[in-house]
Amino acid sequence: MMAACISLDMQCAAVCYAAAQLMSLGSEQALQVCTICADLCRACAEECSKHQHEHCQECAAICRACAEECCKMAA
């Protein structure tokens, strides 16, 4: 039941890390990765929000905030 949630959490963490690293390096590809990061963060937030666990609700809120910030970076 939680497999999709856990998988998306791990994918989201990986792409967030990659986006942060590329931004810190001043990479020209950072904006493209931020767009992917925003999409994945939104998907993670949607999945996590389906679960009533406190940590899932916190994760959903953080992922939504991250998606908004990534969209700003990619704009």
PDB file of N, CA and C in Angstrom:
ATOM      1  N   MET A   1       0.813  -1.198   0.000  1.00  0.00           N
ATOM      2  CA  MET A   1       0.000   0.000   0.000  1.00  0.00           C
ATOM      3  C   MET A   1       0.860   1.266   0.000  1.00  0.00           C
ATOM      4  N   MET A   2       1.970   1.239   0.674  1.00  0.00           N
ATOM      5  CA  MET A   2       2.836   2.417   0.762  1.00  0.00           C
ATOM      6  C   MET A   2       3.990   2.382  -0.230  1.00  0.00           C
ATOM      7  N   ALA A   3       4.076   1.344  -1.061  1.00  0.00           N
ATOM      8  CA  ALA A   3       5.213   1.197  -1.969  1.00  0.00           C
ATOM      9  C   ALA A   3       5.342   2.372  -2.929  1.00  0.00           C
ATOM     10  N   ALA A   4       4.231   2.817  -3.514  1.00  0.00           N
ATOM     11  CA  ALA A   4       4.280   3.947  -4.446  1.00  0.00           C
ATOM     12  C   ALA A   4       4.720   5.216  -3.726  1.00  0.00           C
ATOM     13  N   CYS A   5       4.227   5.403  -2.524  1.00  0.00           N
ATOM     14  CA  CYS A   5       4.579   6.578  -1.729  1.00  0.00           C
ATOM     15  C   CYS A   5       6.085   6.594  -1.426  1.00  0.00           C
ATOM     16  N   ILE A   6       6.581   5.483  -0.983  1.00  0.00           N
ATOM     17  CA  ILE A   6       8.002   5.389  -0.637  1.00  0.00           C
ATOM     18  C   ILE A   6       8.869   5.586  -1.871  1.00  0.00           C
ATOM     19  N   SER A   7       8.472   4.989  -2.984  1.00  0.00           N
ATOM     20  CA  SER A   7       9.221   5.143  -4.227  1.00  0.00           C
ATOM     21  C   SER A   7       9.260   6.600  -4.666  1.00  0.00           C
ATOM     22  N   LEU A   8       8.121   7.272  -4.626  1.00  0.00           N
ATOM     23  CA  LEU A   8       8.088   8.685  -5.003  1.00  0.00           C
ATOM     24  C   LEU A   8       8.898   9.544  -4.039  1.00  0.00           C
ATOM     25  N   ASP A   9       8.867   9.217  -2.754  1.00  0.00           N
ATOM     26  CA  ASP A   9       9.689   9.944  -1.778  1.00  0.00           C
ATOM     27  C   ASP A   9      11.162   9.859  -2.152  1.00  0.00           C
ATOM     28  N   MET A  10      11.604   8.661  -2.481  1.00  0.00           N
ATOM     29  CA  MET A  10      13.013   8.457  -2.818  1.00  0.00           C
ATOM     30  C   MET A  10      13.384   9.148  -4.129  1.00  0.00           C
ATOM     31  N   GLN A  11      12.497   9.073  -5.116  1.00  0.00           N
ATOM     32  CA  GLN A  11      12.748   9.747  -6.386  1.00  0.00           C
ATOM     33  C   GLN A  11      12.799  11.258  -6.197  1.00  0.00           C
ATOM     34  N   CYS A  12      11.881  11.760  -5.406  1.00  0.00           N
ATOM     35  CA  CYS A  12      11.814  13.196  -5.136  1.00  0.00           C
ATOM     36  C   CYS A  12      13.096  13.669  -4.444  1.00  0.00           C
ATOM     37  N   ALA A  13      13.527  12.936  -3.454  1.00  0.00           N
ATOM     38  CA  ALA A  13      14.758  13.301  -2.736  1.00  0.00           C
ATOM     39  C   ALA A  13      15.955  13.312  -3.685  1.00  0.00           C
ATOM     40  N   ALA A  14      16.018  12.330  -4.570  1.00  0.00           N
ATOM     41  CA  ALA A  14      17.145  12.244  -5.505  1.00  0.00           C
ATOM     42  C   ALA A  14      17.166  13.423  -6.467  1.00  0.00           C
ATOM     43  N   VAL A  15      16.014  13.761  -7.029  1.00  0.00           N
ATOM     44  CA  VAL A  15      15.986  14.854  -7.998  1.00  0.00           C
ATOM     45  C   VAL A  15      16.154  16.208  -7.304  1.00  0.00           C
ATOM     46  N   CYS A  16      15.665  16.348  -6.084  1.00  0.00           N
ATOM     47  CA  CYS A  16      15.888  17.586  -5.331  1.00  0.00           C
ATOM     48  C   CYS A  16      17.377  17.787  -5.064  1.00  0.00           C
ATOM     49  N   TYR A  17      18.043  16.718  -4.693  1.00  0.00           N
ATOM     50  CA  TYR A  17      19.483  16.798  -4.455  1.00  0.00           C
ATOM     51  C   TYR A  17      20.217  17.183  -5.731  1.00  0.00           C
ATOM     52  N   ALA A  18      19.832  16.538  -6.846  1.00  0.00           N
ATOM     53  CA  ALA A  18      20.476  16.836  -8.126  1.00  0.00           C
ATOM     54  C   ALA A  18      20.240  18.295  -8.522  1.00  0.00           C
ATOM     55  N   ALA A  19      19.014  18.777  -8.349  1.00  0.00           N
ATOM     56  CA  ALA A  19      18.711  20.167  -8.695  1.00  0.00           C
ATOM     57  C   ALA A  19      19.542  21.128  -7.850  1.00  0.00           C
ATOM     58  N   ALA A  20      19.620  20.872  -6.566  1.00  0.00           N
ATOM     59  CA  ALA A  20      20.402  21.738  -5.675  1.00  0.00           C
ATOM     60  C   ALA A  20      21.878  21.735  -6.065  1.00  0.00           C
ATOM     61  N   GLN A  21      22.396  20.571  -6.377  1.00  0.00           N
ATOM     62  CA  GLN A  21      23.799  20.477  -6.779  1.00  0.00           C
ATOM     63  C   GLN A  21      24.059  21.246  -8.068  1.00  0.00           C
ATOM     64  N   LEU A  22      23.187  21.072  -9.057  1.00  0.00           N
ATOM     65  CA  LEU A  22      23.375  21.764 -10.328  1.00  0.00           C
ATOM     66  C   LEU A  22      23.243  23.275 -10.181  1.00  0.00           C
ATOM     67  N   MET A  23      22.305  23.711  -9.338  1.00  0.00           N
ATOM     68  CA  MET A  23      22.174  25.152  -9.099  1.00  0.00           C
ATOM     69  C   MET A  23      23.428  25.703  -8.432  1.00  0.00           C
ATOM     70  N   SER A  24      23.977  24.960  -7.478  1.00  0.00           N
ATOM     71  CA  SER A  24      25.168  25.436  -6.771  1.00  0.00           C
ATOM     72  C   SER A  24      26.383  25.492  -7.690  1.00  0.00           C
ATOM     73  N   LEU A  25      26.364  24.679  -8.737  1.00  0.00           N
ATOM     74  CA  LEU A  25      27.457  24.683  -9.711  1.00  0.00           C
ATOM     75  C   LEU A  25      27.240  25.700 -10.825  1.00  0.00           C
ATOM     76  N   GLY A  26      26.072  26.324 -10.836  1.00  0.00           N
ATOM     77  CA  GLY A  26      25.766  27.280 -11.897  1.00  0.00           C
ATOM     78  C   GLY A  26      25.543  26.612 -13.250  1.00  0.00           C
ATOM     79  N   SER A  27      25.093  25.379 -13.227  1.00  0.00           N
ATOM     80  CA  SER A  27      24.892  24.610 -14.449  1.00  0.00           C
ATOM     81  C   SER A  27      23.776  25.182 -15.303  1.00  0.00           C
ATOM     82  N   GLU A  28      23.987  25.179 -16.608  1.00  0.00           N
ATOM     83  CA  GLU A  28      22.956  25.621 -17.539  1.00  0.00           C
ATOM     84  C   GLU A  28      21.771  24.656 -17.550  1.00  0.00           C
ATOM     85  N   GLN A  29      21.967  23.415 -17.154  1.00  0.00           N
ATOM     86  CA  GLN A  29      20.904  22.421 -17.118  1.00  0.00           C
ATOM     87  C   GLN A  29      20.078  22.461 -15.842  1.00  0.00           C
ATOM     88  N   ALA A  30      20.445  23.305 -14.902  1.00  0.00           N
ATOM     89  CA  ALA A  30      19.729  23.383 -13.631  1.00  0.00           C
ATOM     90  C   ALA A  30      18.255  23.724 -13.839  1.00  0.00           C
ATOM     91  N   LEU A  31      17.963  24.600 -14.769  1.00  0.00           N
ATOM     92  CA  LEU A  31      16.569  24.987 -14.999  1.00  0.00           C
ATOM     93  C   LEU A  31      15.743  23.821 -15.506  1.00  0.00           C
ATOM     94  N   GLN A  32      16.319  23.004 -16.367  1.00  0.00           N
ATOM     95  CA  GLN A  32      15.606  21.825 -16.865  1.00  0.00           C
ATOM     96  C   GLN A  32      15.359  20.831 -15.742  1.00  0.00           C
ATOM     97  N   VAL A  33      16.348  20.635 -14.901  1.00  0.00           N
ATOM     98  CA  VAL A  33      16.206  19.710 -13.780  1.00  0.00           C
ATOM     99  C   VAL A  33      15.194  20.255 -12.780  1.00  0.00           C
ATOM    100  N   CYS A  34      15.144  21.572 -12.602  1.00  0.00           N
ATOM    101  CA  CYS A  34      14.154  22.166 -11.701  1.00  0.00           C
ATOM    102  C   CYS A  34      12.735  21.919 -12.209  1.00  0.00           C
ATOM    103  N   THR A  35      12.550  21.924 -13.508  1.00  0.00           N
ATOM    104  CA  THR A  35      11.235  21.632 -14.072  1.00  0.00           C
ATOM    105  C   THR A  35      10.840  20.194 -13.770  1.00  0.00           C
ATOM    106  N   ILE A  36      11.764  19.271 -13.951  1.00  0.00           N
ATOM    107  CA  ILE A  36      11.518  17.863 -13.633  1.00  0.00           C
ATOM    108  C   ILE A  36      11.276  17.714 -12.131  1.00  0.00           C
ATOM    109  N   CYS A  37      12.055  18.411 -11.346  1.00  0.00           N
ATOM    110  CA  CYS A  37      11.914  18.354  -9.889  1.00  0.00           C
ATOM    111  C   CYS A  37      10.522  18.815  -9.464  1.00  0.00           C
ATOM    112  N   ALA A  38      10.043  19.892 -10.053  1.00  0.00           N
ATOM    113  CA  ALA A  38       8.709  20.397  -9.715  1.00  0.00           C
ATOM    114  C   ALA A  38       7.638  19.358 -10.037  1.00  0.00           C
ATOM    115  N   ASP A  39       7.759  18.733 -11.197  1.00  0.00           N
ATOM    116  CA  ASP A  39       6.785  17.704 -11.584  1.00  0.00           C
ATOM    117  C   ASP A  39       6.800  16.535 -10.609  1.00  0.00           C
ATOM    118  N   LEU A  40       7.983  16.086 -10.254  1.00  0.00           N
ATOM    119  CA  LEU A  40       8.105  14.947  -9.352  1.00  0.00           C
ATOM    120  C   LEU A  40       7.656  15.313  -7.935  1.00  0.00           C
ATOM    121  N   CYS A  41       7.949  16.517  -7.500  1.00  0.00           N
ATOM    122  CA  CYS A  41       7.500  16.958  -6.176  1.00  0.00           C
ATOM    123  C   CYS A  41       5.979  17.030  -6.116  1.00  0.00           C
ATOM    124  N   ARG A  42       5.353  17.498  -7.185  1.00  0.00           N
ATOM    125  CA  ARG A  42       3.886  17.541  -7.210  1.00  0.00           C
ATOM    126  C   ARG A  42       3.301  16.135  -7.145  1.00  0.00           C
ATOM    127  N   ALA A  43       3.902  15.199  -7.889  1.00  0.00           N
ATOM    128  CA  ALA A  43       3.426  13.810  -7.861  1.00  0.00           C
ATOM    129  C   ALA A  43       3.602  13.209  -6.477  1.00  0.00           C
ATOM    130  N   CYS A  44       4.724  13.497  -5.851  1.00  0.00           N
ATOM    131  CA  CYS A  44       4.985  12.991  -4.499  1.00  0.00           C
ATOM    132  C   CYS A  44       3.977  13.583  -3.510  1.00  0.00           C
ATOM    133  N   ALA A  45       3.714  14.864  -3.625  1.00  0.00           N
ATOM    134  CA  ALA A  45       2.748  15.513  -2.729  1.00  0.00           C
ATOM    135  C   ALA A  45       1.365  14.910  -2.903  1.00  0.00           C
ATOM    136  N   GLU A  46       0.980  14.656  -4.134  1.00  0.00           N
ATOM    137  CA  GLU A  46      -0.332  14.069  -4.391  1.00  0.00           C
ATOM    138  C   GLU A  46      -0.452  12.684  -3.757  1.00  0.00           C
ATOM    139  N   GLU A  47       0.592  11.875  -3.926  1.00  0.00           N
ATOM    140  CA  GLU A  47       0.558  10.523  -3.355  1.00  0.00           C
ATOM    141  C   GLU A  47       0.583  10.568  -1.837  1.00  0.00           C
ATOM    142  N   CYS A  48       1.468  11.369  -1.261  1.00  0.00           N
ATOM    143  CA  CYS A  48       1.587  11.432   0.195  1.00  0.00           C
ATOM    144  C   CYS A  48       0.320  11.964   0.849  1.00  0.00           C
ATOM    145  N   SER A  49      -0.356  12.885   0.170  1.00  0.00           N
ATOM    146  CA  SER A  49      -1.560  13.466   0.759  1.00  0.00           C
ATOM    147  C   SER A  49      -2.712  12.464   0.861  1.00  0.00           C
ATOM    148  N   LYS A  50      -2.594  11.327   0.193  1.00  0.00           N
ATOM    149  CA  LYS A  50      -3.620  10.283   0.263  1.00  0.00           C
ATOM    150  C   LYS A  50      -3.581   9.522   1.583  1.00  0.00           C
ATOM    151  N   HIS A  51      -2.456   9.621   2.283  1.00  0.00           N
ATOM    152  CA  HIS A  51      -2.254   8.857   3.509  1.00  0.00           C
ATOM    153  C   HIS A  51      -2.432   9.760   4.726  1.00  0.00           C
ATOM    154  N   GLN A  52      -3.034   9.230   5.765  1.00  0.00           N
ATOM    155  CA  GLN A  52      -3.353  10.028   6.942  1.00  0.00           C
ATOM    156  C   GLN A  52      -2.231  10.094   7.975  1.00  0.00           C
ATOM    157  N   HIS A  53      -1.113   9.431   7.705  1.00  0.00           N
ATOM    158  CA  HIS A  53       0.012   9.494   8.637  1.00  0.00           C
ATOM    159  C   HIS A  53       0.522  10.935   8.714  1.00  0.00           C
ATOM    160  N   GLU A  54       0.898  11.346   9.897  1.00  0.00           N
ATOM    161  CA  GLU A  54       1.395  12.710  10.076  1.00  0.00           C
ATOM    162  C   GLU A  54       2.609  12.982   9.193  1.00  0.00           C
ATOM    163  N   HIS A  55       3.533  12.018   9.122  1.00  0.00           N
ATOM    164  CA  HIS A  55       4.732  12.241   8.316  1.00  0.00           C
ATOM    165  C   HIS A  55       4.398  12.342   6.828  1.00  0.00           C
ATOM    166  N   CYS A  56       3.361  11.663   6.378  1.00  0.00           N
ATOM    167  CA  CYS A  56       2.947  11.769   4.971  1.00  0.00           C
ATOM    168  C   CYS A  56       2.361  13.144   4.685  1.00  0.00           C
ATOM    169  N   GLN A  57       1.568  13.658   5.618  1.00  0.00           N
ATOM    170  CA  GLN A  57       0.988  14.988   5.438  1.00  0.00           C
ATOM    171  C   GLN A  57       2.070  16.064   5.448  1.00  0.00           C
ATOM    172  N   GLU A  58       3.064  15.904   6.319  1.00  0.00           N
ATOM    173  CA  GLU A  58       4.192  16.842   6.350  1.00  0.00           C
ATOM    174  C   GLU A  58       4.975  16.776   5.046  1.00  0.00           C
ATOM    175  N   CYS A  59       5.205  15.565   4.568  1.00  0.00           N
ATOM    176  CA  CYS A  59       5.931  15.384   3.308  1.00  0.00           C
ATOM    177  C   CYS A  59       5.177  16.046   2.156  1.00  0.00           C
ATOM    178  N   ALA A  60       3.866  15.870   2.114  1.00  0.00           N
ATOM    179  CA  ALA A  60       3.056  16.465   1.057  1.00  0.00           C
ATOM    180  C   ALA A  60       3.186  17.988   1.068  1.00  0.00           C
ATOM    181  N   ALA A  61       3.130  18.581   2.238  1.00  0.00           N
ATOM    182  CA  ALA A  61       3.238  20.045   2.342  1.00  0.00           C
ATOM    183  C   ALA A  61       4.612  20.527   1.880  1.00  0.00           C
ATOM    184  N   ILE A  62       5.641  19.821   2.287  1.00  0.00           N
ATOM    185  CA  ILE A  62       7.001  20.206   1.902  1.00  0.00           C
ATOM    186  C   ILE A  62       7.209  20.028   0.401  1.00  0.00           C
ATOM    187  N   CYS A  63       6.683  18.952  -0.138  1.00  0.00           N
ATOM    188  CA  CYS A  63       6.816  18.717  -1.578  1.00  0.00           C
ATOM    189  C   CYS A  63       6.081  19.788  -2.387  1.00  0.00           C
ATOM    190  N   ARG A  64       4.917  20.221  -1.918  1.00  0.00           N
ATOM    191  CA  ARG A  64       4.201  21.304  -2.604  1.00  0.00           C
ATOM    192  C   ARG A  64       5.032  22.590  -2.593  1.00  0.00           C
ATOM    193  N   ALA A  65       5.606  22.899  -1.452  1.00  0.00           N
ATOM    194  CA  ALA A  65       6.438  24.100  -1.332  1.00  0.00           C
ATOM    195  C   ALA A  65       7.662  24.004  -2.238  1.00  0.00           C
ATOM    196  N   CYS A  66       8.268  22.829  -2.278  1.00  0.00           N
ATOM    197  CA  CYS A  66       9.437  22.629  -3.133  1.00  0.00           C
ATOM    198  C   CYS A  66       9.057  22.789  -4.602  1.00  0.00           C
ATOM    199  N   ALA A  67       7.923  22.236  -4.999  1.00  0.00           N
ATOM    200  CA  ALA A  67       7.460  22.360  -6.384  1.00  0.00           C
ATOM    201  C   ALA A  67       7.268  23.828  -6.759  1.00  0.00           C
ATOM    202  N   GLU A  68       6.692  24.620  -5.849  1.00  0.00           N
ATOM    203  CA  GLU A  68       6.499  26.042  -6.118  1.00  0.00           C
ATOM    204  C   GLU A  68       7.824  26.758  -6.315  1.00  0.00           C
ATOM    205  N   GLU A  69       8.792  26.453  -5.457  1.00  0.00           N
ATOM    206  CA  GLU A  69      10.111  27.090  -5.566  1.00  0.00           C
ATOM    207  C   GLU A  69      10.830  26.662  -6.838  1.00  0.00           C
ATOM    208  N   CYS A  70      10.704  25.391  -7.193  1.00  0.00           N
ATOM    209  CA  CYS A  70      11.332  24.909  -8.428  1.00  0.00           C
ATOM    210  C   CYS A  70      10.718  25.579  -9.657  1.00  0.00           C
ATOM    211  N   CYS A  71       9.406  25.776  -9.617  1.00  0.00           N
ATOM    212  CA  CYS A  71       8.741  26.482 -10.730  1.00  0.00           C
ATOM    213  C   CYS A  71       9.264  27.907 -10.858  1.00  0.00           C
ATOM    214  N   LYS A  72       9.502  28.547  -9.738  1.00  0.00           N
ATOM    215  CA  LYS A  72      10.056  29.906  -9.768  1.00  0.00           C
ATOM    216  C   LYS A  72      11.446  29.901 -10.379  1.00  0.00           C
ATOM    217  N   MET A  73      12.244  28.899 -10.027  1.00  0.00           N
ATOM    218  CA  MET A  73      13.604  28.798 -10.561  1.00  0.00           C
ATOM    219  C   MET A  73      13.591  28.542 -12.057  1.00  0.00           C
ATOM    220  N   ALA A  74      12.646  27.738 -12.511  1.00  0.00           N
ATOM    221  CA  ALA A  74      12.604  27.350 -13.915  1.00  0.00           C
ATOM    222  C   ALA A  74      11.944  28.411 -14.802  1.00  0.00           C
ATOM    223  N   ALA A  75      11.283  29.380 -14.173  1.00  0.00           N
ATOM    224  CA  ALA A  75      10.574  30.408 -14.960  1.00  0.00           C
ATOM    225  C   ALA A  75      11.518  31.385 -15.613  1.00  0.00           C
TER     226      ALA A  75
END
